[in-house]
């Protein structure tokens, strides 16, 4: 007999199995990125987002389908990375809204939830494009409307949806010419179907399932960093994390809780959505934090780590040592004086990070091209800044949505997301920082500044493909102007010069060159001298960027 009702237990298993399936196939999804550049990360971003969702469902006993979907939505919301991850988190959130208040769901209720998921995801994107994950998600929701008329068996219902999803996925190259040119289907859409495929594999099994571990920094590296911290410099000994479940937490409640936590600890992160408040605090009295939280709602996901004990273990590391909370890898710093405006920037490469700090950025998140930070990563950076207004510079088009999602979740600070798509745009925006306390005026100036910058980058191709009329072989050098591949070559210096010929025009005044980790200082200096001679009317600056994967990042203003 088939399954006519899906309960919380089965949905939880489907979330876990779906996350694991995508995790196992994330590299295949990464390889579907249109541009054959080495930082294609759609699969990685989606996988980390869905793993965070599945991990959240593991906390506590199996509950109603409503509660399980809420937990998944909450985990995805904070774990969202990249555009694909943010869109996926919104699909989860809408799906949860559609199941609100239900103990279990049949095909009728699941159809409603899928319609709500698609509506929520389309709202998250400023200018939705067809031929993307949104198209595949909508196709699945449309198939649900048809399948519910044919069967009340949930498994048969979902298989029909999956089959239609694959048919539409195979049509995405006809909707987006750039997919057809690259010879791939949409990566985000394929990732979404991997999730459904994994869930269907275990919808009717009893095999024990655990959420896969995402790739992490080795414990040896974590402990080596921690060992440099003096035990006595750990001001508060217990890293305490938990969730408070409460319906519609109001701003006053959240702010009062944060104020109380500040009296018993530091490194406080306190964020909320409609049903949960997430807490992270370093304190010597975790019991007091829990008692305060219990006056607000019920608790789940409790985790308390003795940081001093972890520090001692780091000195004599053993294979079975406990995991270390990242917040303990640096000694807590004294709270900086209150300021009106603060800045968070995403960067990759020691040289670029130093440049951003010198320009006044308070918190630099290491990430960008090779690893997009999550919404939660951005919120934690914001919380470290003692300012009422905080500007966020994503410096990558694939991080903008996660930053905007963080801005919606922030409770007590006003966040301004400057949609910088590249490091040069981010640096240009920071040059507008003149110490003024007028946040609105600064936002206007930054938005204007990023529009005046052209960004040229040089990297290499990781696979053969065709982009437009360009035939690209694996290992070819790629010269990219803003978002378009303009040069395909073999020689680094000559390819970069050819790219600049297309980028520099009569209005160009400044050429700033940031050389990457694979370029020597001597080679970079020689190249910059040649460029200065070739463009005598332009000011040419050279800086060490230290960025991986990209030989040169060049700003033209």
Protein backbone atom coordinates (compact mmCIF):
# COMPACT_ATOMS: atom_id res chain seq x y z
CA UNK A 1 0.00 0.00 0.00
CA UNK A 2 1.33 3.44 -0.91
CA UNK A 3 1.92 6.46 1.30
CA UNK A 4 -1.11 8.75 1.30
CA UNK A 5 0.12 11.01 4.10
CA UNK A 6 3.64 12.36 4.63
CA UNK A 7 4.46 12.87 8.32
CA UNK A 8 7.25 14.78 10.02
CA UNK A 9 9.43 11.68 10.42
CA UNK A 10 9.37 10.89 6.72
CA UNK A 11 9.90 14.52 5.70
CA UNK A 12 12.89 14.78 8.03
CA UNK A 13 14.43 11.70 6.40
CA UNK A 14 13.75 13.17 2.97
CA UNK A 15 15.50 16.43 3.89
CA UNK A 16 18.54 14.52 5.16
CA UNK A 17 18.66 12.14 2.18
CA UNK A 18 18.18 15.04 -0.27
CA UNK A 19 20.98 17.03 1.33
CA UNK A 20 23.29 14.03 1.22
CA UNK A 21 22.45 13.35 -2.45
CA UNK A 22 23.29 16.92 -3.43
CA UNK A 23 26.44 16.83 -1.30
CA UNK A 24 27.64 13.74 -3.16
CA UNK A 25 26.97 15.37 -6.53
CA UNK A 26 27.95 18.97 -5.78
CA UNK A 27 31.05 18.83 -7.99
CA UNK A 28 28.95 17.67 -10.94
CA UNK A 29 26.66 20.67 -10.36
CA UNK A 30 29.66 23.01 -10.00
CA UNK A 31 30.89 21.78 -13.40
CA UNK A 32 27.61 22.94 -14.99
CA UNK A 33 28.35 26.60 -14.37
CA UNK A 34 28.20 28.43 -17.69
CA UNK A 35 31.61 30.04 -17.44
CA UNK A 36 34.36 27.39 -17.29
CA UNK A 37 36.20 29.31 -14.56
CA UNK A 38 37.71 27.52 -11.53
CA UNK A 39 35.38 29.15 -9.01
CA UNK A 40 32.06 27.83 -10.31
CA UNK A 41 30.33 26.99 -7.04
CA UNK A 42 26.57 26.64 -7.53
CA UNK A 43 26.63 23.03 -6.31
CA UNK A 44 28.84 23.83 -3.34
CA UNK A 45 26.67 26.76 -2.26
CA UNK A 46 23.42 24.84 -2.60
CA UNK A 47 24.90 21.83 -0.81
CA UNK A 48 26.08 23.85 2.19
CA UNK A 49 22.69 25.57 2.38
CA UNK A 50 20.71 22.32 2.30
CA UNK A 51 23.10 20.56 4.71
CA UNK A 52 22.45 23.40 7.18
CA UNK A 53 18.70 22.85 6.70
CA UNK A 54 18.95 19.09 7.19
CA UNK A 55 21.19 19.50 10.23
CA UNK A 56 18.56 21.69 11.85
CA UNK A 57 15.93 18.97 11.43
CA UNK A 58 18.12 16.53 13.39
CA UNK A 59 17.76 18.58 16.56
CA UNK A 60 15.20 17.05 18.90
CA UNK A 61 12.67 14.30 18.28
CA UNK A 62 10.70 13.85 15.09
CA UNK A 63 7.83 16.34 15.13
CA UNK A 64 4.86 17.26 12.96
CA UNK A 65 5.46 17.96 9.29
CA UNK A 66 4.92 21.63 10.10
CA UNK A 67 7.66 21.71 12.74
CA UNK A 68 10.14 19.73 10.63
CA UNK A 69 9.66 22.04 7.66
CA UNK A 70 10.06 25.10 9.91
CA UNK A 71 13.36 23.77 11.23
CA UNK A 72 14.60 23.10 7.72
CA UNK A 73 13.59 26.59 6.61
CA UNK A 74 15.32 28.18 9.60
CA UNK A 75 18.54 26.23 8.96
CA UNK A 76 18.51 27.08 5.26
CA UNK A 77 17.82 30.75 5.98
CA UNK A 78 20.97 31.17 8.09
CA UNK A 79 23.10 28.72 6.14
CA UNK A 80 22.29 30.21 2.73
CA UNK A 81 25.34 30.82 0.54
CA UNK A 82 25.41 32.38 -2.89
CA UNK A 83 22.46 33.25 -5.06
CA UNK A 84 21.54 29.60 -5.56
CA UNK A 85 21.62 29.02 -1.80
CA UNK A 86 19.46 32.05 -1.03
CA UNK A 87 16.88 31.04 -3.65
CA UNK A 88 16.90 27.50 -2.24
CA UNK A 89 16.38 28.86 1.28
CA UNK A 90 13.37 30.82 0.04
CA UNK A 91 11.93 27.67 -1.56
CA UNK A 92 12.28 25.96 1.82
CA UNK A 93 10.73 28.93 3.60
CA UNK A 94 7.72 29.06 1.28
CA UNK A 95 7.28 25.29 1.51
CA UNK A 96 7.24 25.59 5.30
CA UNK A 97 4.63 28.36 5.16
CA UNK A 98 2.44 26.13 3.05
CA UNK A 99 2.61 23.34 5.66
CA UNK A 100 2.09 25.60 8.67
CA UNK A 101 0.01 24.02 11.42
CA UNK A 102 -0.22 20.56 9.81
CA UNK A 103 0.61 17.26 11.52
CA UNK A 104 0.96 15.49 8.17
CA UNK A 105 0.31 16.25 4.51
CA UNK A 106 -1.16 14.49 1.50
CA UNK A 107 -0.88 15.43 -2.16
CA UNK A 108 -3.34 18.33 -1.79
CA UNK A 109 -1.37 19.95 1.03
CA UNK A 110 1.99 19.29 -0.63
CA UNK A 111 0.73 20.93 -3.82
CA UNK A 112 -0.24 24.05 -1.86
CA UNK A 113 3.17 24.09 -0.16
CA UNK A 114 4.98 23.83 -3.49
CA UNK A 115 2.99 26.73 -4.95
CA UNK A 116 3.90 28.82 -1.90
CA UNK A 117 7.56 27.82 -2.24
CA UNK A 118 7.72 29.06 -5.82
CA UNK A 119 5.99 32.35 -4.98
CA UNK A 120 8.44 33.00 -2.15
CA UNK A 121 11.48 32.20 -4.32
CA UNK A 122 10.38 34.45 -7.18
CA UNK A 123 9.92 37.31 -4.70
CA UNK A 124 13.55 36.92 -3.58
CA UNK A 125 14.94 37.73 -7.03
CA UNK A 126 14.84 41.27 -8.36
CA UNK A 127 14.73 40.28 -12.05
CA UNK A 128 13.84 36.58 -12.38
CA UNK A 129 15.21 34.82 -15.47
CA UNK A 130 13.64 31.83 -17.11
CA UNK A 131 15.86 28.83 -17.72
CA UNK A 132 17.11 28.87 -14.13
CA UNK A 133 16.37 27.10 -10.84
CA UNK A 134 13.21 29.23 -10.62
CA UNK A 135 11.91 27.73 -13.86
CA UNK A 136 12.58 24.19 -12.67
CA UNK A 137 10.93 24.88 -9.31
CA UNK A 138 7.88 26.37 -11.02
CA UNK A 139 7.69 23.38 -13.37
CA UNK A 140 7.65 21.04 -10.37
CA UNK A 141 4.85 23.05 -8.76
CA UNK A 142 2.85 22.98 -12.00
CA UNK A 143 3.36 19.23 -12.26
CA UNK A 144 2.03 18.89 -8.70
CA UNK A 145 -1.26 20.47 -9.79
CA UNK A 146 -1.58 17.83 -12.50
CA UNK A 147 -0.36 14.86 -10.46
CA UNK A 148 -2.73 15.47 -7.55
CA UNK A 149 -5.60 14.82 -9.95
CA UNK A 150 -4.13 11.42 -10.87
CA UNK A 151 -3.07 9.89 -7.55
CA UNK A 152 -3.19 10.20 -3.78
CA UNK A 153 0.01 8.15 -3.40
CA UNK A 154 2.69 10.64 -2.27
CA UNK A 155 5.53 8.58 -3.70
CA UNK A 156 3.88 8.28 -7.13
CA UNK A 157 2.98 11.98 -6.91
CA UNK A 158 6.60 13.01 -6.29
CA UNK A 159 8.01 10.70 -8.97
CA UNK A 160 5.71 12.35 -11.50
CA UNK A 161 6.91 15.77 -10.39
CA UNK A 162 10.55 14.70 -10.66
CA UNK A 163 10.06 13.34 -14.17
CA UNK A 164 8.48 16.60 -15.33
CA UNK A 165 11.24 18.56 -13.58
CA UNK A 166 13.86 16.70 -15.60
CA UNK A 167 11.99 17.36 -18.84
CA UNK A 168 11.93 21.08 -18.14
CA UNK A 169 15.55 21.06 -16.94
CA UNK A 170 16.57 19.62 -20.31
CA UNK A 171 14.72 22.51 -21.97
CA UNK A 172 16.63 25.23 -20.06
CA UNK A 173 19.30 25.55 -22.80
CA UNK A 174 16.50 26.59 -25.17
CA UNK A 175 15.41 29.29 -22.68
CA UNK A 176 18.88 30.71 -22.03
CA UNK A 177 21.13 30.78 -25.12
CA UNK A 178 24.23 30.99 -22.97
CA UNK A 179 23.41 27.53 -21.56
CA UNK A 180 23.14 26.11 -25.06
CA UNK A 181 26.44 27.68 -26.08
CA UNK A 182 28.16 26.17 -23.05
CA UNK A 183 26.50 22.79 -23.62
CA UNK A 184 25.01 22.56 -20.11
CA UNK A 185 21.64 22.63 -18.39
CA UNK A 186 21.00 25.05 -15.54
CA UNK A 187 23.18 24.15 -12.55
CA UNK A 188 20.75 25.39 -9.89
CA UNK A 189 17.87 23.50 -11.44
CA UNK A 190 19.92 20.31 -11.52
CA UNK A 191 20.85 20.81 -7.88
CA UNK A 192 17.20 21.16 -6.94
CA UNK A 193 16.35 17.87 -8.63
CA UNK A 194 19.21 16.12 -6.83
CA UNK A 195 17.53 17.11 -3.57
CA UNK A 196 14.22 15.61 -4.68
CA UNK A 197 15.94 12.49 -6.04
CA UNK A 198 17.70 11.89 -2.74
CA UNK A 199 14.51 12.39 -0.77
CA UNK A 200 12.60 9.95 -2.95
CA UNK A 201 15.26 7.26 -2.50
CA UNK A 202 14.47 7.14 1.22
CA UNK A 203 10.81 8.15 1.41
CA UNK A 204 9.83 4.54 2.14
CA UNK A 205 12.93 3.07 3.82
CA UNK A 206 14.00 2.64 7.43
CA UNK A 207 17.74 2.87 6.87
CA UNK A 208 19.50 5.00 9.49
CA UNK A 209 20.40 8.39 8.01
CA UNK A 210 22.86 11.04 9.16
CA UNK A 211 23.62 14.40 7.62
CA UNK A 212 26.89 14.37 5.69
CA UNK A 213 29.71 16.54 7.05
CA UNK A 214 30.64 19.42 4.79
CA UNK A 215 34.34 19.86 4.08
CA UNK A 216 35.96 21.62 7.00
CA UNK A 217 39.32 22.97 8.00
CA UNK A 218 41.36 20.18 9.55
CA UNK A 219 41.29 19.97 13.32
CA UNK A 220 45.09 20.19 13.35
CA UNK A 221 44.87 23.61 11.71
CA UNK A 222 42.10 24.78 14.04
CA UNK A 223 43.98 23.68 17.13
CA UNK A 224 47.24 25.14 15.88
CA UNK A 225 45.53 28.52 15.66
CA UNK A 226 43.95 28.11 19.06
CA UNK A 227 47.23 27.13 20.68
CA UNK A 228 48.56 30.64 20.07
CA UNK A 229 45.93 32.03 22.44
CA UNK A 230 46.85 32.23 26.10
CA UNK A 231 44.43 30.33 28.31
CA UNK A 232 44.12 33.30 30.62
CA UNK A 233 43.10 35.56 27.69
CA UNK A 234 39.85 33.65 27.16
CA UNK A 235 37.63 36.09 29.04
CA UNK A 236 34.53 33.89 29.16
CA UNK A 237 34.92 30.15 29.30
CA UNK A 238 31.82 28.63 27.73
CA UNK A 239 30.70 28.99 24.11
CA UNK A 240 26.92 28.64 24.42
CA UNK A 241 24.55 28.21 21.48
CA UNK A 242 20.84 27.40 21.32
CA UNK A 243 17.54 28.23 19.64
CA UNK A 244 14.49 29.74 21.36
CA UNK A 245 11.21 28.74 19.76
CA UNK A 246 8.69 31.56 20.03
CA UNK A 247 5.93 32.78 17.75
CA UNK A 248 6.59 36.20 16.22
CA UNK A 249 9.31 37.49 18.59
CA UNK A 250 9.00 41.25 18.81
CA UNK A 251 11.91 43.68 18.56
CA UNK A 252 11.67 44.64 22.23
CA UNK A 253 12.01 41.04 23.40
CA UNK A 254 15.03 40.42 21.20
CA UNK A 255 16.73 43.66 22.22
CA UNK A 256 16.15 43.03 25.94
CA UNK A 257 17.60 39.55 25.57
CA UNK A 258 20.69 40.90 23.83
CA UNK A 259 21.13 43.53 26.52
CA UNK A 260 20.92 40.88 29.23
CA UNK A 261 23.42 38.60 27.50
CA UNK A 262 25.84 41.53 27.27
CA UNK A 263 25.88 41.67 31.09
CA UNK A 264 27.06 38.04 31.38
CA UNK A 265 29.25 37.55 28.31
CA UNK A 266 30.50 38.67 24.92
CA UNK A 267 30.69 37.51 21.27
CA UNK A 268 26.92 37.77 21.18
CA UNK A 269 24.88 36.85 18.12
CA UNK A 270 21.11 37.15 18.46
CA UNK A 271 19.00 36.87 15.29
CA UNK A 272 15.36 35.97 14.77
CA UNK A 273 12.69 35.18 12.24
CA UNK A 274 8.99 34.45 12.68
CA UNK A 275 9.41 31.36 14.85
CA UNK A 276 12.88 31.19 16.33
CA UNK A 277 15.62 33.25 17.96
CA UNK A 278 19.16 31.99 17.47
CA UNK A 279 21.61 32.69 20.30
CA UNK A 280 25.41 32.51 20.45
CA UNK A 281 27.24 33.87 23.51
CA UNK A 282 30.53 33.38 25.32
CA UNK A 283 29.89 33.38 29.08
CA UNK A 284 31.05 31.94 32.39
CA UNK A 285 27.41 31.31 33.36
CA UNK A 286 25.59 29.43 30.58
CA UNK A 287 22.86 28.48 33.07
CA UNK A 288 21.88 32.13 33.46
CA UNK A 289 21.58 32.50 29.68
CA UNK A 290 19.35 29.44 29.52
CA UNK A 291 17.17 30.57 32.41
CA UNK A 292 16.61 33.92 30.75
CA UNK A 293 15.80 32.25 27.45
CA UNK A 294 13.26 29.92 29.07
CA UNK A 295 11.20 32.95 30.08
CA UNK A 296 10.73 33.60 26.36
CA UNK A 297 10.13 30.16 24.84
CA UNK A 298 11.23 26.53 24.57
CA UNK A 299 14.84 25.65 23.78
CA UNK A 300 16.43 23.33 21.24
CA UNK A 301 19.86 22.84 19.67
CA UNK A 302 21.70 23.39 22.95
CA UNK A 303 25.50 23.29 22.60
CA UNK A 304 27.94 24.33 25.34
CA UNK A 305 31.71 24.05 24.80
CA UNK A 306 34.35 24.63 27.47
CA UNK A 307 36.78 26.82 25.53
CA UNK A 308 39.54 26.68 28.15
CA UNK A 309 39.44 22.90 28.04
CA UNK A 310 39.57 22.99 24.26
CA UNK A 311 42.55 25.28 24.46
CA UNK A 312 44.38 22.86 26.73
CA UNK A 313 43.57 20.01 24.36
CA UNK A 314 45.06 22.01 21.50
CA UNK A 315 48.45 21.97 23.16
CA UNK A 316 48.48 18.18 23.28
CA UNK A 317 46.30 17.40 20.27
CA UNK A 318 44.93 13.91 19.85
CA UNK A 319 42.87 12.40 17.08
CA UNK A 320 39.73 12.22 19.19
CA UNK A 321 39.91 15.78 20.52
CA UNK A 322 36.61 17.69 20.56
CA UNK A 323 35.75 20.09 17.76
CA UNK A 324 36.57 23.73 18.30
CA UNK A 325 34.13 26.58 17.91
CA UNK A 326 35.62 29.01 15.39
CA UNK A 327 34.92 31.93 17.69
CA UNK A 328 37.64 30.64 20.01
CA UNK A 329 40.40 30.72 17.40
CA UNK A 330 41.22 34.31 18.32
CA UNK A 331 41.49 35.89 21.72
CA UNK A 332 38.44 38.04 22.51
CA UNK A 333 39.14 41.69 21.96
CA UNK A 334 37.94 44.54 24.09
CA UNK A 335 34.84 46.19 22.67
CA UNK A 336 35.81 49.09 20.46
CA UNK A 337 34.36 52.55 21.05
CA UNK A 338 30.89 53.15 19.65
CA UNK A 339 30.87 54.57 16.14
CA UNK A 340 28.06 55.76 13.91
CA UNK A 341 28.97 53.78 10.77
CA UNK A 342 30.76 50.45 10.37
CA UNK A 343 31.81 48.37 7.38
CA UNK A 344 31.87 44.68 6.49
CA UNK A 345 33.63 43.53 3.34
CA UNK A 346 34.10 40.15 1.70
CA UNK A 347 37.61 39.59 0.41
CA UNK A 348 40.00 36.86 -0.63
CA UNK A 349 43.78 37.17 -0.55
CA UNK A 350 45.95 38.73 2.13
CA UNK A 351 46.81 41.77 0.04
CA UNK A 352 43.22 42.67 -0.75
CA UNK A 353 42.21 42.09 2.86
CA UNK A 354 44.90 44.51 4.04
CA UNK A 355 43.74 47.12 1.52
CA UNK A 356 40.17 46.92 2.78
CA UNK A 357 41.29 47.24 6.40
CA UNK A 358 43.43 50.26 5.54
CA UNK A 359 40.38 51.86 3.95
CA UNK A 360 38.43 51.54 7.19
CA UNK A 361 36.65 48.19 6.91
CA UNK A 362 35.96 46.87 10.42
CA UNK A 363 35.30 43.20 9.63
CA UNK A 364 36.64 41.35 6.60
CA UNK A 365 35.06 37.99 5.79
CA UNK A 366 37.43 35.69 3.96
CA UNK A 367 35.51 34.24 1.07
CA UNK A 368 34.41 35.68 -2.22
CA UNK A 369 35.21 33.73 -5.34
CA UNK A 370 36.18 30.37 -3.90
CA UNK A 371 33.79 30.20 -0.96
CA UNK A 372 30.73 32.38 -0.60
CA UNK A 373 29.99 33.28 3.03
CA UNK A 374 26.59 32.38 4.43
CA UNK A 375 23.93 34.75 5.67
CA UNK A 376 24.89 33.75 9.19
CA UNK A 377 28.59 34.52 8.53
CA UNK A 378 27.62 38.03 7.48
CA UNK A 379 25.36 38.53 10.50
CA UNK A 380 28.12 37.43 12.87
CA UNK A 381 30.52 39.94 11.31
CA UNK A 382 27.92 42.69 11.66
CA UNK A 383 27.37 41.83 15.33
CA UNK A 384 31.07 42.38 16.06
CA UNK A 385 30.85 46.03 15.01
CA UNK A 386 29.82 48.55 17.62
CA UNK A 387 27.84 50.76 15.27
CA UNK A 388 24.18 51.52 14.59
CA UNK A 389 24.66 51.63 10.81
CA UNK A 390 26.71 48.99 8.99
CA UNK A 391 27.57 48.89 5.29
CA UNK A 392 28.11 45.51 3.63
CA UNK A 393 30.26 45.14 0.52
CA UNK A 394 29.70 41.69 -1.06
CA UNK A 395 32.25 42.29 -3.86
CA UNK A 396 30.81 39.35 -5.77
CA UNK A 397 27.48 39.11 -7.59
CA UNK A 398 26.90 35.68 -6.01
CA UNK A 399 27.00 37.09 -2.46
CA UNK A 400 24.62 40.03 -2.89
CA UNK A 401 21.44 38.05 -2.13
CA UNK A 402 22.94 36.53 1.04
CA UNK A 403 23.91 40.02 2.20
CA UNK A 404 20.42 41.34 1.47
CA UNK A 405 18.95 38.42 3.42
CA UNK A 406 21.22 39.29 6.37
CA UNK A 407 19.96 42.88 6.22
CA UNK A 408 16.37 41.64 6.60
CA UNK A 409 17.29 39.50 9.63
CA UNK A 410 19.28 42.13 11.52
CA UNK A 411 17.31 43.28 14.56
CA UNK A 412 19.06 46.24 16.13
CA UNK A 413 21.24 47.71 13.37
CA UNK A 414 20.47 49.31 10.06
CA UNK A 415 22.33 47.48 7.31
CA UNK A 416 23.12 48.96 3.90
CA UNK A 417 24.03 46.47 1.19
CA UNK A 418 26.10 48.10 -1.53
CA UNK A 419 25.71 45.69 -4.48
CA UNK A 420 29.39 45.59 -5.43
CA UNK A 421 30.02 42.76 -7.89
CA UNK A 422 33.82 42.86 -7.75
CA UNK A 423 36.70 43.78 -5.47
CA UNK A 424 37.50 46.94 -7.49
CA UNK A 425 33.92 48.12 -7.02
CA UNK A 426 34.19 47.46 -3.29
CA UNK A 427 37.44 49.40 -3.02
CA UNK A 428 35.98 52.28 -5.02
CA UNK A 429 33.00 52.35 -2.66
CA UNK A 430 35.25 52.44 0.41
CA UNK A 431 37.16 55.39 -1.02
CA UNK A 432 33.95 57.36 -0.49
CA UNK A 433 34.33 56.88 3.26
CA UNK A 434 35.39 60.33 4.45
CA UNK A 435 34.42 59.88 8.08
CA UNK A 436 30.99 61.41 7.61
CA UNK A 437 28.19 60.13 9.86
CA UNK A 438 25.49 60.69 7.23
CA UNK A 439 24.70 57.10 6.25
CA UNK A 440 22.16 58.01 3.56
CA UNK A 441 24.58 60.36 1.82
CA UNK A 442 27.36 57.77 2.00
CA UNK A 443 25.08 55.14 0.50
CA UNK A 444 24.32 57.45 -2.42
CA UNK A 445 28.01 58.17 -2.99
CA UNK A 446 28.96 54.48 -2.83
CA UNK A 447 26.25 53.45 -5.28
CA UNK A 448 27.47 56.10 -7.70
CA UNK A 449 31.10 55.03 -7.24
CA UNK A 450 30.59 51.36 -8.07
CA UNK A 451 28.88 52.37 -11.30
CA UNK A 452 32.02 54.15 -12.52
CA UNK A 453 34.32 51.12 -12.29
CA UNK A 454 35.14 48.55 -14.96
CA UNK A 455 36.57 45.27 -13.69
CA UNK A 456 38.92 43.14 -15.77
CA UNK A 457 40.03 39.73 -14.51
CA UNK A 458 42.28 37.00 -15.86
CA UNK A 459 41.86 33.36 -14.88
CA UNK A 460 41.95 29.97 -16.63
CA UNK A 461 39.42 27.52 -18.09
CA UNK A 462 38.68 24.33 -16.18
CA UNK A 463 36.94 22.59 -19.10
CA UNK A 464 36.33 22.78 -22.83
CA UNK A 465 33.31 24.79 -23.95
CA UNK A 466 32.01 27.32 -26.44
CA UNK A 467 30.96 30.82 -25.36
CA UNK A 468 29.47 32.77 -28.25
CA UNK A 469 31.90 32.26 -31.12
CA UNK A 470 34.81 31.51 -28.83
CA UNK A 471 36.16 27.97 -28.66
CA UNK A 472 37.70 27.42 -25.22
CA UNK A 473 40.05 24.59 -24.32
CA UNK A 474 40.84 23.41 -20.81
CA UNK A 475 43.79 25.42 -19.48
CA UNK A 476 43.23 28.42 -21.75
CA UNK A 477 43.61 31.84 -20.18
CA UNK A 478 40.35 33.77 -19.96
CA UNK A 479 40.17 37.55 -19.96
CA UNK A 480 36.84 38.70 -18.49
CA UNK A 481 35.57 42.27 -18.67
CA UNK A 482 32.90 42.76 -16.04
CA UNK A 483 30.82 39.61 -16.74
CA UNK A 484 31.82 38.82 -20.34
CA UNK A 485 34.67 36.68 -21.64
CA UNK A 486 36.50 38.95 -24.06
CA UNK A 487 39.86 37.21 -24.49
CA UNK A 488 40.95 33.58 -24.81
CA UNK A 489 44.70 33.07 -24.95
CA UNK A 490 47.80 31.13 -23.95
CA UNK A 491 50.25 33.80 -22.74
CA UNK A 492 49.41 35.62 -19.49
CA UNK A 493 51.00 39.00 -20.26
CA UNK A 494 49.73 39.16 -23.83
CA UNK A 495 46.21 38.02 -22.89
CA UNK A 496 46.02 40.64 -20.14
CA UNK A 497 47.23 43.38 -22.50
CA UNK A 498 44.61 42.35 -25.05
CA UNK A 499 41.95 42.52 -22.35
CA UNK A 500 43.02 46.01 -21.33
CA UNK A 501 42.81 47.18 -24.94
CA UNK A 502 39.12 46.35 -24.79
CA UNK A 503 38.65 47.90 -21.33
CA UNK A 504 40.56 51.19 -21.53
CA UNK A 505 38.99 54.02 -23.47
CA UNK A 506 39.44 57.79 -23.88
CA UNK A 507 37.64 58.47 -20.59
CA UNK A 508 39.83 56.13 -18.54
CA UNK A 509 42.07 57.85 -16.00
CA UNK A 510 43.21 55.25 -13.47
CA UNK A 511 44.30 51.62 -13.96
CA UNK A 512 44.82 49.69 -10.73
CA UNK A 513 46.36 46.22 -10.96
CA UNK A 514 46.03 43.62 -8.19
CA UNK A 515 48.24 40.60 -8.82
CA UNK A 516 47.31 37.17 -7.52
CA UNK A 517 49.00 34.44 -5.53
CA UNK A 518 50.33 32.74 -8.68
CA UNK A 519 52.07 35.87 -10.02
CA UNK A 520 55.49 36.91 -8.73
CA UNK A 521 56.14 40.48 -7.66
CA UNK A 522 58.85 40.84 -10.31
CA UNK A 523 56.57 39.69 -13.14
CA UNK A 524 53.78 41.93 -11.91
CA UNK A 525 56.12 44.93 -11.73
CA UNK A 526 57.38 44.34 -15.25
CA UNK A 527 53.82 44.03 -16.54
CA UNK A 528 52.71 47.22 -14.73
CA UNK A 529 55.67 49.15 -16.23
CA UNK A 530 54.65 48.05 -19.72
CA UNK A 531 51.06 49.10 -19.09
CA UNK A 532 52.18 52.48 -17.74
CA UNK A 533 54.22 53.04 -20.89
CA UNK A 534 51.37 51.92 -23.16
CA UNK A 535 48.75 54.12 -21.43
CA UNK A 536 50.76 57.22 -20.70
CA UNK A 537 47.65 59.33 -20.06
CA UNK A 538 46.50 57.02 -17.26
CA UNK A 539 47.74 56.69 -13.72
CA UNK A 540 48.81 53.06 -13.17
CA UNK A 541 48.97 51.58 -9.66
CA UNK A 542 50.18 48.10 -8.71
CA UNK A 543 49.21 46.23 -5.53
CA UNK A 544 49.66 42.72 -4.23
CA UNK A 545 46.21 41.15 -4.07
CA UNK A 546 47.23 37.61 -3.16
CA UNK A 547 43.92 36.30 -4.52
CA UNK A 548 43.72 32.63 -5.59
CA UNK A 549 42.60 31.49 -9.06
CA UNK A 550 42.72 34.95 -10.63
CA UNK A 551 46.13 36.01 -11.93
CA UNK A 552 45.08 39.65 -12.22
CA UNK A 553 42.14 41.71 -11.02
CA UNK A 554 42.26 45.13 -12.68
CA UNK A 555 40.20 48.23 -11.98
CA UNK A 556 39.67 50.79 -14.75
CA UNK A 557 38.18 54.13 -13.75
